[in-house]
């Protein structure tokens, strides 16, 4: 099993910044992808950004230039630096880890990000 523990959410004013962290533990393989998804009320859970162990990165268009995903392989931790936050970024953010030849997906418990004045 894999456990994901997130931290760093909160309330921030528009234009502000937050940094999310997610630490993975348990039965982690050598190669895996980690990422962040978000879910606003009444909406589906959507990809925000993901990063492979080799460092290949994908972002959803709406966060390009504002958010930066990074990872520390030695700590099995992924980060999401969120700058120039907008009210439409308000959502529960979930950490995600995917691994295996037949991919298996794990989720964190979610952390609330609220952007409001």
N, C-alpha and C. Protein backbone atom coordinates (compact mmCIF):
# COMPACT_ATOMS: atom_id res chain seq x y z
N UNK A 1 0.83 -1.20 0.00
CA UNK A 1 0.00 0.00 0.00
C UNK A 1 0.86 1.25 0.00
N UNK A 2 0.28 2.32 -0.47
CA UNK A 2 0.96 3.62 -0.52
C UNK A 2 0.12 4.63 0.24
N UNK A 3 0.79 5.43 1.05
CA UNK A 3 0.11 6.50 1.77
C UNK A 3 0.63 7.85 1.27
N UNK A 4 -0.29 8.78 1.08
CA UNK A 4 0.05 10.14 0.63
C UNK A 4 -0.48 11.13 1.65
N UNK A 5 0.41 11.98 2.14
CA UNK A 5 0.03 12.98 3.14
C UNK A 5 0.31 14.36 2.57
N UNK A 6 -0.76 15.14 2.46
CA UNK A 6 -0.67 16.48 1.88
C UNK A 6 -0.63 17.54 2.97
N UNK A 7 -0.06 18.68 2.62
CA UNK A 7 -0.08 19.84 3.51
C UNK A 7 0.06 21.10 2.68
N UNK A 8 -0.30 22.24 3.28
CA UNK A 8 -0.03 23.52 2.65
C UNK A 8 -1.23 24.28 2.12
N UNK A 9 -2.42 23.72 2.20
CA UNK A 9 -3.58 24.46 1.72
C UNK A 9 -3.94 25.59 2.67
N UNK A 10 -4.96 26.36 2.28
CA UNK A 10 -5.41 27.46 3.13
C UNK A 10 -6.15 28.51 2.36
N UNK A 11 -6.34 29.65 3.03
CA UNK A 11 -7.04 30.80 2.46
C UNK A 11 -6.02 31.85 2.03
N UNK A 12 -6.16 32.35 0.82
CA UNK A 12 -5.23 33.35 0.32
C UNK A 12 -6.00 34.35 -0.53
N UNK A 13 -5.53 35.57 -0.57
CA UNK A 13 -6.17 36.59 -1.39
C UNK A 13 -5.78 36.42 -2.86
N UNK A 14 -6.61 36.90 -3.76
CA UNK A 14 -6.24 36.85 -5.19
C UNK A 14 -4.88 37.50 -5.42
N UNK A 15 -4.08 36.86 -6.25
CA UNK A 15 -2.72 37.33 -6.50
C UNK A 15 -1.69 36.75 -5.56
N UNK A 16 -2.14 36.07 -4.53
CA UNK A 16 -1.24 35.50 -3.54
C UNK A 16 -0.65 34.16 -3.98
N UNK A 17 0.11 33.57 -3.06
CA UNK A 17 0.81 32.32 -3.35
C UNK A 17 0.59 31.31 -2.23
N UNK A 18 0.64 30.06 -2.60
CA UNK A 18 0.63 28.94 -1.67
C UNK A 18 1.54 27.85 -2.21
N UNK A 19 2.06 27.03 -1.29
CA UNK A 19 2.86 25.89 -1.71
C UNK A 19 2.29 24.64 -1.07
N UNK A 20 1.92 23.69 -1.90
CA UNK A 20 1.42 22.42 -1.43
C UNK A 20 2.55 21.39 -1.44
N UNK A 21 2.50 20.49 -0.45
CA UNK A 21 3.47 19.39 -0.39
C UNK A 21 2.71 18.08 -0.24
N UNK A 22 3.31 17.02 -0.76
CA UNK A 22 2.72 15.69 -0.62
C UNK A 22 3.84 14.68 -0.46
N UNK A 23 3.85 14.00 0.68
CA UNK A 23 4.87 13.00 0.96
C UNK A 23 4.28 11.61 0.80
N UNK A 24 4.97 10.77 0.05
CA UNK A 24 4.53 9.40 -0.18
C UNK A 24 5.35 8.44 0.67
N UNK A 25 4.68 7.40 1.17
CA UNK A 25 5.36 6.36 1.93
C UNK A 25 4.69 5.03 1.65
N UNK A 26 5.38 3.95 2.04
CA UNK A 26 4.82 2.63 1.83
C UNK A 26 5.52 1.90 0.70
N UNK A 27 4.76 1.11 -0.05
CA UNK A 27 5.31 0.26 -1.11
C UNK A 27 5.44 1.05 -2.41
N UNK A 28 6.51 1.83 -2.48
CA UNK A 28 6.73 2.69 -3.63
C UNK A 28 7.74 2.03 -4.55
N UNK A 29 7.40 1.94 -5.82
CA UNK A 29 8.28 1.34 -6.80
C UNK A 29 9.38 2.33 -7.20
N UNK A 30 10.30 1.84 -8.02
CA UNK A 30 11.41 2.70 -8.44
C UNK A 30 10.94 3.82 -9.37
N UNK A 31 9.96 3.53 -10.21
CA UNK A 31 9.49 4.53 -11.17
C UNK A 31 8.00 4.78 -10.95
N UNK A 32 7.65 6.03 -10.79
CA UNK A 32 6.26 6.39 -10.56
C UNK A 32 6.07 7.84 -10.96
N UNK A 33 4.84 8.15 -11.21
CA UNK A 33 4.47 9.53 -11.53
C UNK A 33 3.66 10.10 -10.37
N UNK A 34 3.93 11.34 -10.04
CA UNK A 34 3.14 12.03 -9.02
C UNK A 34 2.51 13.27 -9.63
N UNK A 35 1.40 13.64 -9.08
CA UNK A 35 0.72 14.81 -9.63
C UNK A 35 -0.27 15.41 -8.66
N UNK A 36 -0.88 16.49 -9.11
CA UNK A 36 -1.91 17.20 -8.36
C UNK A 36 -3.16 17.32 -9.23
N UNK A 37 -4.28 17.02 -8.61
CA UNK A 37 -5.58 17.21 -9.23
C UNK A 37 -6.38 18.15 -8.33
N UNK A 38 -7.44 18.71 -8.87
CA UNK A 38 -8.31 19.55 -8.04
C UNK A 38 -9.76 19.32 -8.40
N UNK A 39 -10.60 19.57 -7.39
CA UNK A 39 -12.03 19.37 -7.57
C UNK A 39 -12.76 20.51 -6.89
N UNK A 40 -13.45 21.31 -7.68
CA UNK A 40 -14.29 22.38 -7.15
C UNK A 40 -15.68 21.82 -6.87
N UNK A 41 -16.46 22.48 -6.03
CA UNK A 41 -17.79 21.99 -5.70
C UNK A 41 -18.65 21.78 -6.95
N UNK A 42 -19.23 20.61 -7.06
CA UNK A 42 -20.09 20.30 -8.19
C UNK A 42 -19.36 19.98 -9.48
N UNK A 43 -18.03 19.92 -9.41
CA UNK A 43 -17.24 19.67 -10.60
C UNK A 43 -16.51 18.33 -10.50
N UNK A 44 -16.02 17.85 -11.62
CA UNK A 44 -15.23 16.63 -11.59
C UNK A 44 -13.80 16.95 -11.16
N UNK A 45 -13.09 15.91 -10.79
CA UNK A 45 -11.70 16.06 -10.40
C UNK A 45 -10.83 16.11 -11.66
N UNK A 46 -10.06 17.18 -11.79
CA UNK A 46 -9.28 17.40 -13.00
C UNK A 46 -7.79 17.51 -12.70
N UNK A 47 -6.99 17.13 -13.66
CA UNK A 47 -5.55 17.24 -13.55
C UNK A 47 -5.12 18.71 -13.49
N UNK A 48 -4.19 19.00 -12.59
CA UNK A 48 -3.55 20.32 -12.55
C UNK A 48 -2.15 20.22 -13.14
N UNK A 49 -1.35 19.29 -12.60
CA UNK A 49 0.02 19.10 -13.07
C UNK A 49 0.48 17.72 -12.64
N UNK A 50 1.42 17.17 -13.43
CA UNK A 50 1.99 15.88 -13.05
C UNK A 50 3.44 15.86 -13.49
N UNK A 51 4.23 15.02 -12.78
CA UNK A 51 5.66 14.96 -13.05
C UNK A 51 6.11 13.52 -12.91
N UNK A 52 6.86 13.04 -13.91
CA UNK A 52 7.41 11.68 -13.85
C UNK A 52 8.68 11.69 -13.00
N UNK A 53 9.16 10.50 -12.68
CA UNK A 53 10.39 10.43 -11.88
C UNK A 53 11.56 11.00 -12.67
N UNK A 54 11.49 10.91 -13.99
CA UNK A 54 12.54 11.48 -14.82
C UNK A 54 12.43 12.97 -15.01
N UNK A 55 11.34 13.56 -14.53
CA UNK A 55 11.21 15.01 -14.57
C UNK A 55 10.35 15.55 -15.70
N UNK A 56 9.70 14.67 -16.45
CA UNK A 56 8.81 15.16 -17.50
C UNK A 56 7.53 15.70 -16.85
N UNK A 57 7.12 16.90 -17.30
CA UNK A 57 6.04 17.64 -16.63
C UNK A 57 4.92 17.97 -17.61
N UNK A 58 3.70 17.88 -17.11
CA UNK A 58 2.53 18.35 -17.84
C UNK A 58 1.71 19.28 -16.94
N UNK A 59 1.21 20.37 -17.52
CA UNK A 59 0.32 21.29 -16.81
C UNK A 59 -0.98 21.44 -17.60
N UNK A 60 -2.06 21.67 -16.87
CA UNK A 60 -3.28 22.10 -17.54
C UNK A 60 -3.07 23.55 -17.99
N UNK A 61 -3.65 23.92 -19.11
CA UNK A 61 -3.38 25.24 -19.69
C UNK A 61 -3.67 26.38 -18.73
N UNK A 62 -4.69 26.24 -17.90
CA UNK A 62 -5.12 27.34 -17.05
C UNK A 62 -4.12 27.71 -15.96
N UNK A 63 -3.14 26.84 -15.69
CA UNK A 63 -2.18 27.15 -14.63
C UNK A 63 -0.77 27.38 -15.18
N UNK A 64 -0.59 27.21 -16.47
CA UNK A 64 0.74 27.40 -17.06
C UNK A 64 1.23 28.83 -16.80
N UNK A 65 2.47 28.95 -16.37
CA UNK A 65 3.06 30.24 -16.07
C UNK A 65 2.79 30.73 -14.66
N UNK A 66 1.88 30.06 -13.95
CA UNK A 66 1.55 30.45 -12.58
C UNK A 66 1.93 29.38 -11.55
N UNK A 67 1.75 28.12 -11.92
CA UNK A 67 2.03 27.01 -11.01
C UNK A 67 3.30 26.29 -11.46
N UNK A 68 4.03 25.77 -10.47
CA UNK A 68 5.22 24.99 -10.75
C UNK A 68 5.20 23.72 -9.93
N UNK A 69 5.30 22.58 -10.60
CA UNK A 69 5.38 21.30 -9.89
C UNK A 69 6.83 20.85 -9.85
N UNK A 70 7.22 20.26 -8.73
CA UNK A 70 8.57 19.74 -8.59
C UNK A 70 8.52 18.53 -7.66
N UNK A 71 9.60 17.79 -7.63
CA UNK A 71 9.64 16.62 -6.76
C UNK A 71 11.04 16.41 -6.22
N UNK A 72 11.08 15.80 -5.04
CA UNK A 72 12.33 15.39 -4.41
C UNK A 72 12.28 13.87 -4.33
N UNK A 73 12.99 13.21 -5.23
CA UNK A 73 12.91 11.75 -5.30
C UNK A 73 13.46 11.09 -4.03
N UNK A 74 14.44 11.71 -3.42
CA UNK A 74 15.02 11.14 -2.21
C UNK A 74 14.01 11.12 -1.06
N UNK A 75 13.09 12.08 -1.09
CA UNK A 75 12.08 12.18 -0.03
C UNK A 75 10.72 11.67 -0.48
N UNK A 76 10.63 11.20 -1.72
CA UNK A 76 9.33 10.76 -2.27
C UNK A 76 8.25 11.83 -2.06
N UNK A 77 8.61 13.05 -2.35
CA UNK A 77 7.73 14.18 -2.10
C UNK A 77 7.55 15.00 -3.37
N UNK A 78 6.33 15.45 -3.57
CA UNK A 78 6.03 16.33 -4.69
C UNK A 78 5.49 17.65 -4.14
N UNK A 79 5.80 18.74 -4.84
CA UNK A 79 5.40 20.07 -4.42
C UNK A 79 4.62 20.74 -5.55
N UNK A 80 3.77 21.66 -5.16
CA UNK A 80 3.09 22.51 -6.13
C UNK A 80 3.16 23.94 -5.64
N UNK A 81 4.00 24.73 -6.29
CA UNK A 81 4.08 26.15 -5.99
C UNK A 81 3.05 26.87 -6.83
N UNK A 82 2.13 27.55 -6.16
CA UNK A 82 1.03 28.23 -6.84
C UNK A 82 1.17 29.73 -6.62
N UNK A 83 1.41 30.46 -7.70
CA UNK A 83 1.54 31.91 -7.66
C UNK A 83 0.40 32.56 -8.44
N UNK A 84 0.22 33.84 -8.22
CA UNK A 84 -0.82 34.61 -8.93
C UNK A 84 -2.16 33.89 -8.88
N UNK A 85 -2.52 33.46 -7.68
CA UNK A 85 -3.74 32.68 -7.53
C UNK A 85 -4.98 33.51 -7.86
N UNK A 86 -5.96 32.80 -8.43
CA UNK A 86 -7.21 33.43 -8.84
C UNK A 86 -8.37 32.75 -8.11
N UNK A 87 -9.50 33.44 -7.97
CA UNK A 87 -10.66 32.79 -7.32
C UNK A 87 -11.05 31.47 -7.98
N UNK A 88 -10.86 31.36 -9.27
CA UNK A 88 -11.22 30.12 -9.96
C UNK A 88 -10.27 28.96 -9.65
N UNK A 89 -9.20 29.23 -8.92
CA UNK A 89 -8.31 28.16 -8.46
C UNK A 89 -8.84 27.51 -7.18
N UNK A 90 -9.89 28.07 -6.61
CA UNK A 90 -10.47 27.53 -5.39
C UNK A 90 -10.98 26.11 -5.63
N UNK A 91 -10.50 25.18 -4.81
CA UNK A 91 -10.88 23.77 -4.96
C UNK A 91 -10.21 22.97 -3.85
N UNK A 92 -10.59 21.71 -3.76
CA UNK A 92 -9.83 20.76 -2.96
C UNK A 92 -8.76 20.17 -3.87
N UNK A 93 -7.53 20.24 -3.43
CA UNK A 93 -6.41 19.74 -4.22
C UNK A 93 -5.99 18.37 -3.69
N UNK A 94 -5.88 17.42 -4.60
CA UNK A 94 -5.53 16.05 -4.25
C UNK A 94 -4.19 15.66 -4.85
N UNK A 95 -3.38 15.05 -4.03
CA UNK A 95 -2.13 14.47 -4.49
C UNK A 95 -2.41 13.09 -5.08
N UNK A 96 -1.65 12.74 -6.09
CA UNK A 96 -1.86 11.50 -6.81
C UNK A 96 -0.52 10.83 -7.08
N UNK A 97 -0.48 9.51 -6.92
CA UNK A 97 0.70 8.74 -7.29
C UNK A 97 0.24 7.58 -8.16
N UNK A 98 0.95 7.36 -9.26
CA UNK A 98 0.61 6.28 -10.18
C UNK A 98 1.86 5.46 -10.44
N UNK A 99 1.74 4.14 -10.30
CA UNK A 99 2.90 3.28 -10.50
C UNK A 99 2.47 1.90 -10.98
N UNK A 100 3.44 1.18 -11.56
CA UNK A 100 3.19 -0.18 -11.98
C UNK A 100 3.02 -0.33 -13.47
N UNK A 101 3.35 -1.52 -13.97
CA UNK A 101 3.18 -1.84 -15.38
C UNK A 101 1.70 -1.75 -15.74
N UNK A 102 0.85 -2.30 -14.88
CA UNK A 102 -0.59 -2.06 -14.95
C UNK A 102 -0.84 -0.97 -13.94
N UNK A 103 -0.95 0.29 -14.36
CA UNK A 103 -0.91 1.41 -13.42
C UNK A 103 -1.95 1.31 -12.31
N UNK A 104 -1.46 1.52 -11.10
CA UNK A 104 -2.34 1.60 -9.95
C UNK A 104 -2.23 3.00 -9.39
N UNK A 105 -3.36 3.56 -9.02
CA UNK A 105 -3.42 4.96 -8.61
C UNK A 105 -3.75 5.08 -7.13
N UNK A 106 -3.05 6.00 -6.46
CA UNK A 106 -3.29 6.28 -5.06
C UNK A 106 -3.60 7.77 -4.91
N UNK A 107 -4.43 8.10 -3.90
CA UNK A 107 -4.84 9.48 -3.68
C UNK A 107 -4.58 9.89 -2.24
N UNK A 108 -4.24 11.16 -2.08
CA UNK A 108 -4.19 11.75 -0.76
C UNK A 108 -5.57 12.12 -0.29
N UNK A 109 -5.65 12.68 0.92
CA UNK A 109 -6.94 12.98 1.52
C UNK A 109 -7.52 14.30 1.02
N UNK A 110 -6.70 15.10 0.36
CA UNK A 110 -7.14 16.38 -0.16
C UNK A 110 -6.86 17.52 0.80
N UNK A 111 -6.55 18.68 0.22
CA UNK A 111 -6.33 19.88 1.02
C UNK A 111 -7.06 21.05 0.35
N UNK A 112 -7.77 21.82 1.16
CA UNK A 112 -8.59 22.90 0.62
C UNK A 112 -7.73 24.12 0.30
N UNK A 113 -7.91 24.65 -0.88
CA UNK A 113 -7.32 25.92 -1.28
C UNK A 113 -8.47 26.87 -1.61
N UNK A 114 -8.51 28.00 -0.91
CA UNK A 114 -9.55 29.00 -1.13
C UNK A 114 -8.89 30.32 -1.47
N UNK A 115 -9.26 30.87 -2.62
CA UNK A 115 -8.73 32.16 -3.07
C UNK A 115 -9.87 33.16 -3.03
N UNK A 116 -9.79 34.08 -2.09
CA UNK A 116 -10.89 35.01 -1.89
C UNK A 116 -10.39 36.26 -1.18
N UNK A 117 -11.00 37.39 -1.50
CA UNK A 117 -10.67 38.62 -0.80
C UNK A 117 -11.61 38.84 0.37
